[in-house]
Amino acid sequence: MEQAEIGLIGLGVMGSNLALNIAEKGNRIAVFNRTPEATRKFYAEAGSLQGQIIPCETLEEFVAAIRPPRPIIIMIKAGDPVDQQMELLKPYLSAGDIMIDAGNANFRDTMRRFDALKDSPLTFIGMGVSGGEEGARHGPSIMVGGTEDSWKRVESVLTSISAKYDGEPCVAWLGNDGAGHFVKTIHNGIEYADMQMIAEIYGILRDGLKLSASEIAQVFGRWNTGRLDSYLIEITEKVLSAADPITGKPMVDVILDAAGQKGTGKWSVIEAQNLGVAATGIEAAVAGRILSSQKAERVAAEEIFGLPQTTAMPGIDGMAFLDDLENALLAAKVAAYAQGFAVMAAASKEYNWNLPMPTIAKIWRAGCIIRSEFLDEITSAFTKDPDIANLIVTPAFSALVKETDASLRRVVSTAVMSGLPVPALASALSYFDTYRRGRGTANLIQAQRDFFGAHGFERVDGIDRPHGPWGSGLGTGA
C-alpha cells in the first residue's frame, strides 16, 4: 500500500476537519484516534475521500503507514495530553520524524518540548491554526515554528491546505521553537480586543440608541462594505440577524451575557507584561470577559446601585453619531493591532526569532478570525519599514488615527456620560493620548520612588513617615 504523506492523531471536530482538508487537497493521510470507534466513524463518513485516507487502530500501524521522515499532527486537548501522546509515540518513531502540535498550546510548552528533543533524533513543530472549524476544513491561516528543515518536509502539504488570498497561501514558517504558537497567541489576543470593541459598540447601539437587534445588524452590514470590512464584522451582522427557532426572538437576546475564554487572551496579556509592552486593548478585553462571567455578582450589584441616571445619549444626532461609532471602532481596531504587533516585535528580539512582520500580516489576510481589510496596509507598512517602532506612527496609520481621533473621543465621552461601559474603546483613546504626549506625568512617579528609596521610614506617632535628606538615586523604590 502507498504510504501516507502525513499523519494526524485526534479526530475531534478540528482534527477531523483538518484531516478531510488534507485529503481533499490530494495528500494521502494516515489517521488515528485513541478510541478506534471514532476512527471507524470518521472513515465511514469520509465518502469520496476514503481513497486518500489510511485509518489505523494502533500506533504501530499508524506510524508504519507514513512515509519517513514522518510528520505527525497531534490535534488533541492542549497541555498534559499532548505530552502523554508524545511519550506514547516515541517508541515507534525513527530519526528525522516530526511531532506537530497543532492545538492552542502555550508557546512556553512548545519551547520546552522542542528543547527536550534537541539532542534526540526526533524534532518538534508548534503550529498555530486559525479559522475555527470552517477554516480547518476549507483553509486556515497557519503559523509554523520549528527548524527550517522540518518546515520544508511539511511545506507542500500545509501550503496546499491553507487559505489563499489573491492566490497567495496563508501559511509561513515564522522561526524556531515557539515562534508559531506565540504568533497564534497574539493573534488570539487581538481577536479578544476586536470582539470586545465590537461588543461595546453593540452595547451603545442597543442601550444608548435603543436599536433592535435587526436594526443593529443593518448597521454592521453597512459598515462591512467599507473600511471595517472584516470577518468579525461580517459574522456580527449574521448573528444579530439570526432568530431563535423556539421563541422567535433575536438569537442574541436569548444568549446569556457571560463570555468564556480558553486562555490565549490571558497568555497574551501575561507575555505583554513580561516583555514590557503596553497591550491595553487586550488587557481590557480579558478583564471584560472575566467580569462578564460574574453574572450573579453583576445582577446583585445592579440591585444595590441601580444604573446611572443620565440623559446624555437621547440628545445626540443619531445619523452623525453612527458615523462616529464607525470611525471610533476603526480607530480602536488600529490600536489593538498596533499593540499586538508591538508585543510580537519585542518577543522576536527576546527569543531571537526574527519574526517576519510583513509575512505575518499577509498570512492573516484570509482563513483566520481577525482577517480584515487593513491587513494589506499593515503588510505595506512593515514591508517599507520592518523595524518601525509602532504601527500608529507609519504614514498610513498616523493619518487614519488623526482622522478618527475626534470620533473616538466623542464616542468614549458620550458613553461614559451615559453610564455605558466601554473599557476597550476607552483604553484605545488613552493609549493614543499617552503614546503621543512627549511630556507625561511619570516624573512624579519617579520622584516618589526616589524619595522612598533614598529616605527609608521612621515611626512617628504610630505612623511610618519618610525621613532623611532628598536622595539622588532614581527609581529605587516600588
Protein backbone atom coordinates (compact mmCIF):
# COMPACT_ATOMS: atom_id res chain seq x y z
CA MET A 1 0.00 0.00 0.00
CA GLU A 2 1.16 3.52 -0.81
CA GLN A 3 2.31 5.29 2.35
CA ALA A 4 0.72 8.50 3.61
CA GLU A 5 2.46 11.84 3.23
CA ILE A 6 1.43 12.92 6.72
CA GLY A 7 -0.34 11.55 9.79
CA LEU A 8 -2.89 13.02 12.21
CA ILE A 9 -3.82 11.97 15.74
CA GLY A 10 -7.08 13.21 17.26
CA LEU A 11 -10.33 13.02 15.31
CA GLY A 12 -12.38 15.54 17.22
CA VAL A 13 -14.11 18.32 15.29
CA MET A 14 -10.93 20.28 14.48
CA GLY A 15 -8.83 17.18 13.79
CA SER A 16 -11.48 15.61 11.55
CA ASN A 17 -11.93 18.78 9.55
CA LEU A 18 -8.19 19.26 9.11
CA ALA A 19 -7.76 15.63 8.03
CA LEU A 20 -10.53 15.98 5.42
CA ASN A 21 -8.93 19.19 4.15
CA ILE A 22 -5.57 17.43 3.80
CA ALA A 23 -7.16 14.52 1.94
CA GLU A 24 -9.25 16.75 -0.29
CA LYS A 25 -6.16 18.64 -1.44
CA GLY A 26 -4.68 15.41 -2.81
CA ASN A 27 -2.47 14.41 0.12
CA ARG A 28 -2.59 10.86 1.40
CA ILE A 29 -3.08 10.89 5.17
CA ALA A 30 -2.99 8.29 7.96
CA VAL A 31 -5.35 8.93 10.89
CA PHE A 32 -5.53 7.59 14.44
CA ASN A 33 -7.73 8.21 17.45
CA ARG A 34 -7.31 6.69 20.91
CA THR A 35 -10.82 5.24 20.54
CA PRO A 36 -10.95 3.04 17.43
CA GLU A 37 -14.70 3.63 17.10
CA ALA A 38 -14.02 7.30 16.32
CA THR A 39 -11.53 6.31 13.62
CA ARG A 40 -14.01 3.92 12.02
CA LYS A 41 -16.80 6.52 12.13
CA PHE A 42 -14.56 9.18 10.58
CA TYR A 43 -13.51 6.86 7.75
CA ALA A 44 -17.07 5.69 7.10
CA GLU A 45 -18.25 9.30 6.76
CA ALA A 46 -15.32 10.43 4.57
CA GLY A 47 -17.21 9.46 1.41
CA SER A 48 -15.27 10.06 -1.81
CA LEU A 49 -12.15 10.99 0.19
CA GLN A 50 -11.71 7.48 1.61
CA GLY A 51 -9.15 6.68 -1.07
CA GLN A 52 -6.81 9.33 0.38
CA ILE A 53 -7.20 8.16 4.00
CA ILE A 54 -5.50 5.29 5.83
CA PRO A 55 -7.45 4.57 9.05
CA CYS A 56 -5.30 2.99 11.77
CA GLU A 57 -6.30 1.40 15.07
CA THR A 58 -2.86 1.03 16.70
CA LEU A 59 0.02 3.48 16.97
CA GLU A 60 2.39 0.92 15.47
CA GLU A 61 0.16 0.52 12.41
CA PHE A 62 -0.29 4.31 12.21
CA VAL A 63 3.44 5.15 12.23
CA ALA A 64 4.21 2.42 9.70
CA ALA A 65 1.64 3.90 7.32
CA ILE A 66 3.52 7.23 6.97
CA ARG A 67 6.45 7.93 4.63
CA PRO A 68 9.66 8.77 6.55
CA PRO A 69 10.65 11.23 7.81
CA ARG A 70 7.18 11.14 9.33
CA PRO A 71 5.31 14.38 10.08
CA ILE A 72 2.57 13.63 12.63
CA ILE A 73 -0.01 16.27 13.57
CA ILE A 74 -1.30 15.98 17.14
CA MET A 75 -4.73 17.61 17.33
CA ILE A 76 -5.88 16.95 20.90
CA LYS A 77 -6.54 18.97 24.06
CA ALA A 78 -3.60 21.24 24.88
CA GLY A 79 -1.38 20.66 27.92
CA ASP A 80 -0.59 17.33 29.58
CA PRO A 81 -2.50 15.22 27.00
CA VAL A 82 -0.02 16.35 24.32
CA ASP A 83 2.97 15.35 26.46
CA GLN A 84 1.35 11.99 27.16
CA GLN A 85 0.64 11.39 23.47
CA MET A 86 4.22 12.26 22.56
CA GLU A 87 5.57 9.74 25.05
CA LEU A 88 3.31 7.04 23.62
CA LEU A 89 4.51 7.85 20.09
CA LYS A 90 8.25 7.97 20.70
CA PRO A 91 8.94 4.22 20.83
CA TYR A 92 7.62 3.84 17.27
CA LEU A 93 9.41 6.81 15.69
CA SER A 94 12.69 6.98 13.75
CA ALA A 95 15.35 9.61 13.13
CA GLY A 96 14.00 12.73 11.49
CA ASP A 97 10.36 12.14 12.43
CA ILE A 98 8.42 15.27 13.38
CA MET A 99 5.74 15.61 16.04
CA ILE A 100 3.49 18.61 15.32
CA ASP A 101 1.29 20.17 18.00
CA ALA A 102 -1.49 21.98 16.11
CA GLY A 103 -3.59 22.85 19.15
CA ASN A 104 -3.93 26.12 21.07
CA ALA A 105 -0.73 25.49 23.03
CA ASN A 106 1.08 27.85 25.34
CA PHE A 107 4.26 28.75 23.44
CA ARG A 108 6.32 28.06 26.56
CA ASP A 109 5.16 24.43 26.44
CA THR A 110 6.18 24.37 22.78
CA MET A 111 9.65 25.71 23.61
CA ARG A 112 10.00 23.11 26.38
CA ARG A 113 9.02 20.25 24.07
CA PHE A 114 11.29 21.48 21.31
CA ASP A 115 14.20 21.81 23.73
CA ALA A 116 13.58 18.33 25.19
CA LEU A 117 14.05 16.80 21.72
CA LYS A 118 17.02 18.86 20.55
CA ASP A 119 19.58 16.18 21.43
CA SER A 120 17.43 13.34 20.11
CA PRO A 121 16.92 12.13 16.54
CA LEU A 122 13.35 13.49 16.65
CA THR A 123 12.10 17.05 16.30
CA PHE A 124 9.03 19.13 17.06
CA ILE A 125 6.87 21.77 15.37
CA GLY A 126 4.49 24.11 17.15
CA MET A 127 1.82 25.03 14.61
CA GLY A 128 -0.80 27.71 15.18
CA VAL A 129 -4.00 27.10 13.21
CA SER A 130 -6.60 29.88 12.96
CA GLY A 131 -10.02 29.86 11.39
CA GLY A 132 -12.04 27.56 13.62
CA GLU A 133 -13.87 24.52 12.29
CA GLU A 134 -14.62 26.15 8.93
CA GLY A 135 -11.01 27.19 8.45
CA ALA A 136 -9.68 23.75 9.35
CA ARG A 137 -11.97 22.17 6.76
CA HIS A 138 -11.58 24.60 3.87
CA GLY A 139 -8.42 26.63 4.50
CA PRO A 140 -6.96 28.03 7.73
CA SER A 141 -4.21 30.53 8.37
CA ILE A 142 -1.21 28.52 9.57
CA MET A 143 1.72 29.76 11.68
CA VAL A 144 4.68 27.37 11.90
CA GLY A 145 7.51 27.31 14.45
CA GLY A 146 10.36 24.78 14.33
CA THR A 147 13.54 24.03 12.42
CA GLU A 148 13.70 25.12 8.79
CA ASP A 149 14.37 21.52 7.72
CA SER A 150 11.22 20.25 9.45
CA TRP A 151 9.26 23.09 7.81
CA LYS A 152 10.49 22.02 4.38
CA ARG A 153 9.22 18.48 5.00
CA VAL A 154 5.65 19.72 5.61
CA GLU A 155 5.65 22.85 3.45
CA SER A 156 3.91 21.35 0.42
CA VAL A 157 1.09 19.77 2.45
CA LEU A 158 0.49 22.85 4.59
CA THR A 159 0.62 25.17 1.58
CA SER A 160 -1.98 23.06 -0.20
CA ILE A 161 -4.47 23.16 2.71
CA SER A 162 -4.01 26.79 3.77
CA ALA A 163 -6.35 29.65 2.96
CA LYS A 164 -5.43 31.67 -0.11
CA TYR A 165 -5.54 35.46 -0.51
CA ASP A 166 -5.35 36.53 -4.16
CA GLY A 167 -3.61 33.22 -4.81
CA GLU A 168 -1.04 33.64 -2.01
CA PRO A 169 -1.04 30.85 0.62
CA CYS A 170 -1.73 31.98 4.17
CA VAL A 171 0.95 29.82 5.76
CA ALA A 172 4.53 30.58 6.75
CA TRP A 173 7.50 29.36 8.72
CA LEU A 174 7.99 32.09 11.33
CA GLY A 175 11.04 30.92 13.24
CA ASN A 176 12.37 28.40 15.70
CA ASP A 177 10.69 26.51 18.57
CA GLY A 178 7.73 28.51 19.95
CA ALA A 179 7.52 31.21 17.25
CA GLY A 180 4.42 29.83 15.55
CA HIS A 181 2.43 29.31 18.74
CA PHE A 182 3.47 32.72 20.08
CA VAL A 183 2.19 34.47 16.95
CA LYS A 184 -1.05 32.47 17.20
CA THR A 185 -1.39 33.55 20.85
CA ILE A 186 -1.06 37.22 19.93
CA HIS A 187 -3.46 36.69 17.03
CA ASN A 188 -5.98 35.47 19.61
CA GLY A 189 -5.20 38.41 21.89
CA ILE A 190 -6.01 40.83 19.08
CA GLU A 191 -9.14 38.78 18.43
CA TYR A 192 -10.20 39.24 22.07
CA ALA A 193 -9.75 43.01 21.79
CA ASP A 194 -11.55 43.21 18.45
CA MET A 195 -14.53 41.23 19.74
CA GLN A 196 -14.73 43.30 22.93
CA MET A 197 -14.69 46.56 20.98
CA ILE A 198 -17.43 45.34 18.66
CA ALA A 199 -19.49 44.27 21.69
CA GLU A 200 -19.07 47.73 23.25
CA ILE A 201 -20.31 49.39 20.05
CA TYR A 202 -23.23 46.94 20.05
CA GLY A 203 -23.98 47.99 23.65
CA ILE A 204 -24.08 51.66 22.67
CA LEU A 205 -26.42 50.92 19.77
CA ARG A 206 -28.67 48.70 21.92
CA ASP A 207 -28.76 50.55 25.24
CA GLY A 208 -27.87 54.08 24.11
CA LEU A 209 -29.65 54.47 20.78
CA LYS A 210 -32.28 51.82 21.67
CA LEU A 211 -31.95 50.00 18.35
CA SER A 212 -33.28 46.47 17.89
CA ALA A 213 -31.02 43.55 17.02
CA SER A 214 -32.16 43.60 13.39
CA GLU A 215 -31.54 47.35 13.15
CA ILE A 216 -28.05 46.92 14.63
CA ALA A 217 -27.42 44.10 12.13
CA GLN A 218 -28.13 46.52 9.30
CA VAL A 219 -25.62 48.99 10.74
CA PHE A 220 -22.87 46.36 10.89
CA GLY A 221 -23.82 45.13 7.43
CA ARG A 222 -23.33 48.63 6.05
CA TRP A 223 -20.01 49.02 7.86
CA ASN A 224 -18.78 45.74 6.40
CA THR A 225 -18.89 47.28 2.92
CA GLY A 226 -16.39 49.99 3.94
CA ARG A 227 -13.14 50.28 5.83
CA LEU A 228 -14.36 47.99 8.63
CA ASP A 229 -14.68 45.12 6.15
CA SER A 230 -13.61 42.06 8.17
CA TYR A 231 -14.69 38.59 9.16
CA LEU A 232 -15.74 39.64 12.67
CA ILE A 233 -17.92 42.48 11.39
CA GLU A 234 -19.43 40.11 8.82
CA ILE A 235 -20.39 37.47 11.39
CA THR A 236 -21.65 40.17 13.77
CA GLU A 237 -24.24 41.12 11.18
CA LYS A 238 -25.18 37.45 10.77
CA VAL A 239 -25.57 36.66 14.47
CA LEU A 240 -27.61 39.82 15.05
CA SER A 241 -29.91 38.83 12.18
CA ALA A 242 -30.44 35.27 13.45
CA ALA A 243 -33.70 34.33 15.21
CA ASP A 244 -34.17 31.79 17.99
CA PRO A 245 -36.22 28.94 16.44
CA ILE A 246 -38.05 28.30 19.73
CA THR A 247 -39.09 31.79 20.84
CA GLY A 248 -38.78 33.69 17.57
CA LYS A 249 -36.79 36.35 19.39
CA PRO A 250 -33.43 37.57 18.12
CA MET A 251 -30.91 34.85 18.99
CA VAL A 252 -28.54 37.37 20.58
CA ASP A 253 -31.28 38.41 23.03
CA VAL A 254 -31.70 34.90 24.45
CA ILE A 255 -27.99 34.16 24.84
CA LEU A 256 -26.56 34.63 28.35
CA ASP A 257 -24.25 37.65 28.61
CA ALA A 258 -21.34 35.67 30.08
CA ALA A 259 -18.40 35.05 27.74
CA GLY A 260 -15.99 32.15 28.06
CA GLN A 261 -12.29 32.01 27.27
CA LYS A 262 -9.70 29.32 26.58
CA GLY A 263 -6.59 31.06 27.90
CA THR A 264 -4.85 32.56 24.88
CA GLY A 265 -6.07 36.08 25.66
CA LYS A 266 -4.74 35.78 29.21
CA TRP A 267 -1.42 34.45 27.89
CA SER A 268 -1.19 37.45 25.54
CA VAL A 269 -1.59 39.85 28.45
CA ILE A 270 0.94 37.97 30.61
CA GLU A 271 3.55 37.91 27.84
CA ALA A 272 3.00 41.58 27.00
CA GLN A 273 3.62 42.44 30.65
CA ASN A 274 6.68 40.17 30.79
CA LEU A 275 8.10 41.90 27.71
CA GLY A 276 7.29 45.39 29.00
CA VAL A 277 4.86 46.23 26.18
CA ALA A 278 1.58 48.07 26.73
CA ALA A 279 -1.28 45.98 25.31
CA THR A 280 -4.15 47.81 26.99
CA GLY A 281 -6.82 46.76 24.49
CA ILE A 282 -6.13 43.07 25.08
CA GLU A 283 -5.99 43.64 28.84
CA ALA A 284 -9.37 45.39 28.78
CA ALA A 285 -10.88 42.58 26.72
CA VAL A 286 -9.66 39.85 29.07
CA ALA A 287 -10.92 41.81 32.07
CA GLY A 288 -14.23 42.33 30.27
CA ARG A 289 -14.68 38.58 29.80
CA ILE A 290 -13.83 37.94 33.45
CA LEU A 291 -16.42 40.48 34.60
CA SER A 292 -18.98 39.07 32.17
CA SER A 293 -18.59 35.63 33.77
CA GLN A 294 -19.55 37.09 37.17
CA LYS A 295 -23.22 37.27 36.19
CA ALA A 296 -24.72 36.71 39.63
CA GLU A 297 -22.46 39.35 41.20
CA ARG A 298 -23.37 41.87 38.50
CA VAL A 299 -27.09 41.28 38.98
CA ALA A 300 -26.70 41.75 42.75
CA ALA A 301 -24.65 44.92 42.25
CA GLU A 302 -27.30 46.41 39.97
CA GLU A 303 -29.89 45.85 42.70
CA ILE A 304 -27.66 47.80 45.13
CA PHE A 305 -26.51 50.65 42.87
CA GLY A 306 -29.03 50.75 40.06
CA LEU A 307 -27.91 52.08 36.68
CA PRO A 308 -26.55 55.62 36.20
CA GLN A 309 -29.30 58.20 35.77
CA THR A 310 -28.23 60.16 32.71
CA THR A 311 -29.82 61.82 29.70
CA ALA A 312 -26.77 62.42 27.52
CA MET A 313 -27.48 59.87 24.77
CA PRO A 314 -31.01 60.86 23.69
CA GLY A 315 -29.85 64.37 22.76
CA ILE A 316 -27.38 63.34 20.06
CA ASP A 317 -27.75 63.39 16.29
CA GLY A 318 -28.33 59.70 15.56
CA MET A 319 -27.01 59.58 11.99
CA ALA A 320 -23.91 61.64 12.73
CA PHE A 321 -23.25 59.51 15.79
CA LEU A 322 -23.41 56.34 13.69
CA ASP A 323 -20.55 57.76 11.62
CA ASP A 324 -18.68 58.49 14.84
CA LEU A 325 -19.24 54.91 16.02
CA GLU A 326 -17.85 53.52 12.76
CA ASN A 327 -14.76 55.72 12.96
CA ALA A 328 -14.28 55.01 16.67
CA LEU A 329 -14.34 51.26 16.07
CA LEU A 330 -11.84 51.65 13.24
CA ALA A 331 -9.50 53.69 15.47
CA ALA A 332 -9.77 51.19 18.32
CA LYS A 333 -9.03 48.26 15.98
CA VAL A 334 -5.88 50.06 14.82
CA ALA A 335 -4.78 50.39 18.46
CA ALA A 336 -5.36 46.67 19.10
CA TYR A 337 -3.38 45.58 16.03
CA ALA A 338 -0.59 48.06 16.79
CA GLN A 339 -0.29 46.71 20.33
CA GLY A 340 -0.30 43.10 19.15
CA PHE A 341 2.45 43.71 16.59
CA ALA A 342 4.47 45.62 19.20
CA VAL A 343 4.30 42.58 21.51
CA MET A 344 5.46 40.31 18.68
CA ALA A 345 8.34 42.66 17.83
CA ALA A 346 9.52 42.58 21.45
CA ALA A 347 9.23 38.79 21.59
CA SER A 348 11.16 38.46 18.34
CA LYS A 349 14.12 40.21 19.94
CA GLU A 350 13.77 38.46 23.29
CA TYR A 351 13.72 34.95 21.81
CA ASN A 352 15.90 35.56 18.72
CA TRP A 353 13.11 34.57 16.34
CA ASN A 354 13.45 37.34 13.73
CA LEU A 355 9.68 37.25 13.19
CA PRO A 356 8.80 38.42 9.64
CA MET A 357 6.18 41.09 10.37
CA PRO A 358 5.07 41.67 6.75
CA THR A 359 4.63 37.91 6.32
CA ILE A 360 2.55 37.63 9.50
CA ALA A 361 0.21 40.36 8.25
CA LYS A 362 0.00 38.59 4.87
CA ILE A 363 -0.96 35.19 6.26
CA TRP A 364 -3.67 36.79 8.41
CA ARG A 365 -5.46 38.22 5.35
CA ALA A 366 -7.52 35.05 4.80
CA GLY A 367 -8.54 32.00 6.79
CA CYS A 368 -8.06 33.48 10.25
CA ILE A 369 -10.59 35.06 12.61
CA ILE A 370 -9.09 38.57 12.57
CA ARG A 371 -8.77 38.85 8.79
CA SER A 372 -9.68 42.38 7.78
CA GLU A 373 -9.37 44.96 5.06
CA PHE A 374 -6.48 46.90 6.56
CA LEU A 375 -4.11 43.95 6.92
CA ASP A 376 -2.96 44.93 3.43
CA GLU A 377 -2.00 48.32 4.88
CA ILE A 378 -0.16 46.61 7.75
CA THR A 379 1.72 44.43 5.26
CA SER A 380 2.70 47.50 3.27
CA ALA A 381 3.79 49.43 6.38
CA PHE A 382 6.09 46.64 7.60
CA THR A 383 7.42 45.99 4.11
CA LYS A 384 8.54 49.61 3.89
CA ASP A 385 9.98 49.63 7.41
CA PRO A 386 10.24 46.21 9.14
CA ASP A 387 11.71 47.81 12.27
CA ILE A 388 9.09 50.53 12.76
CA ALA A 389 8.58 51.26 16.47
CA ASN A 390 4.79 51.24 16.29
CA LEU A 391 2.24 50.90 13.50
CA ILE A 392 0.44 54.09 14.53
CA VAL A 393 3.41 56.27 13.57
CA THR A 394 3.57 54.98 9.98
CA PRO A 395 2.23 57.46 7.38
CA ALA A 396 -0.92 55.47 6.55
CA PHE A 397 -1.92 54.68 10.12
CA SER A 398 -0.97 58.04 11.61
CA ALA A 399 -3.26 59.66 9.03
CA LEU A 400 -6.04 57.24 9.96
CA VAL A 401 -5.60 57.89 13.69
CA LYS A 402 -5.71 61.66 13.11
CA GLU A 403 -8.85 61.26 11.01
CA THR A 404 -10.71 59.14 13.56
CA ASP A 405 -9.44 60.72 16.80
CA ALA A 406 -12.34 63.15 17.27
CA SER A 407 -14.91 60.41 16.67
CA LEU A 408 -13.30 58.07 19.20
CA ARG A 409 -13.17 60.90 21.72
CA ARG A 410 -16.85 61.75 21.23
CA VAL A 411 -17.95 58.12 21.44
CA VAL A 412 -16.00 57.39 24.62
CA SER A 413 -17.09 60.60 26.36
CA THR A 414 -20.74 60.11 25.35
CA ALA A 415 -20.71 56.51 26.54
CA VAL A 416 -19.09 57.44 29.86
CA MET A 417 -21.61 60.22 30.47
CA SER A 418 -24.40 57.79 29.63
CA GLY A 419 -23.14 55.13 32.03
CA LEU A 420 -22.32 52.65 29.27
CA PRO A 421 -19.14 50.60 29.84
CA VAL A 422 -16.56 50.91 27.05
CA PRO A 423 -13.30 49.69 28.63
CA ALA A 424 -11.61 48.64 25.39
CA LEU A 425 -12.63 51.74 23.42
CA ALA A 426 -11.51 53.94 26.31
CA SER A 427 -8.22 52.06 26.52
CA ALA A 428 -7.57 52.81 22.84
CA LEU A 429 -8.17 56.52 23.38
CA SER A 430 -5.94 56.54 26.46
CA TYR A 431 -3.26 54.60 24.57
CA PHE A 432 -3.21 57.16 21.74
CA ASP A 433 -3.22 60.10 24.17
CA THR A 434 -0.39 58.65 26.25
CA TYR A 435 1.75 57.49 23.33
CA ARG A 436 1.71 60.83 21.53
CA ARG A 437 2.39 63.01 24.61
CA GLY A 438 6.06 63.96 24.72
CA ARG A 439 5.95 65.02 28.37
CA GLY A 440 3.92 62.76 30.61
CA THR A 441 3.48 62.52 34.36
CA ALA A 442 5.81 59.66 35.23
CA ASN A 443 8.36 62.17 36.51
CA LEU A 444 6.22 62.40 39.65
CA ILE A 445 6.17 58.60 39.96
CA GLN A 446 9.95 58.52 39.62
CA ALA A 447 10.28 61.27 42.25
CA GLN A 448 8.10 59.28 44.61
CA ARG A 449 10.16 56.12 44.02
CA ASP A 450 13.39 58.04 44.58
CA PHE A 451 12.04 59.58 47.78
CA PHE A 452 11.02 56.21 49.23
CA GLY A 453 14.28 54.54 48.22
CA ALA A 454 16.60 57.27 49.50
CA HIS A 455 14.88 58.08 52.75
CA GLY A 456 13.57 54.95 54.34
CA PHE A 457 10.96 55.37 57.08
CA GLU A 458 10.78 56.17 60.75
CA ARG A 459 7.92 55.61 63.16
CA VAL A 460 6.37 58.91 64.31
CA ASP A 461 3.20 58.91 66.40
CA GLY A 462 2.40 55.38 65.24
CA ILE A 463 2.78 56.27 61.52
CA ASP A 464 5.60 55.32 59.12
CA ARG A 465 7.00 58.59 57.72
CA PRO A 466 9.85 59.06 55.21
CA HIS A 467 12.95 60.67 56.75
CA GLY A 468 16.40 61.96 55.81
CA PRO A 469 17.66 64.32 53.07
CA TRP A 470 16.38 64.21 49.48
CA GLY A 471 18.18 61.35 47.71
CA SER A 472 19.73 61.26 44.27
CA GLY A 473 19.13 57.67 43.18
CA LEU A 474 16.36 57.30 40.59
CA GLY A 475 13.84 54.50 40.63
CA THR A 476 14.94 52.75 43.80
CA GLY A 477 11.50 52.43 45.35
CA ALA A 478 8.44 50.39 44.38
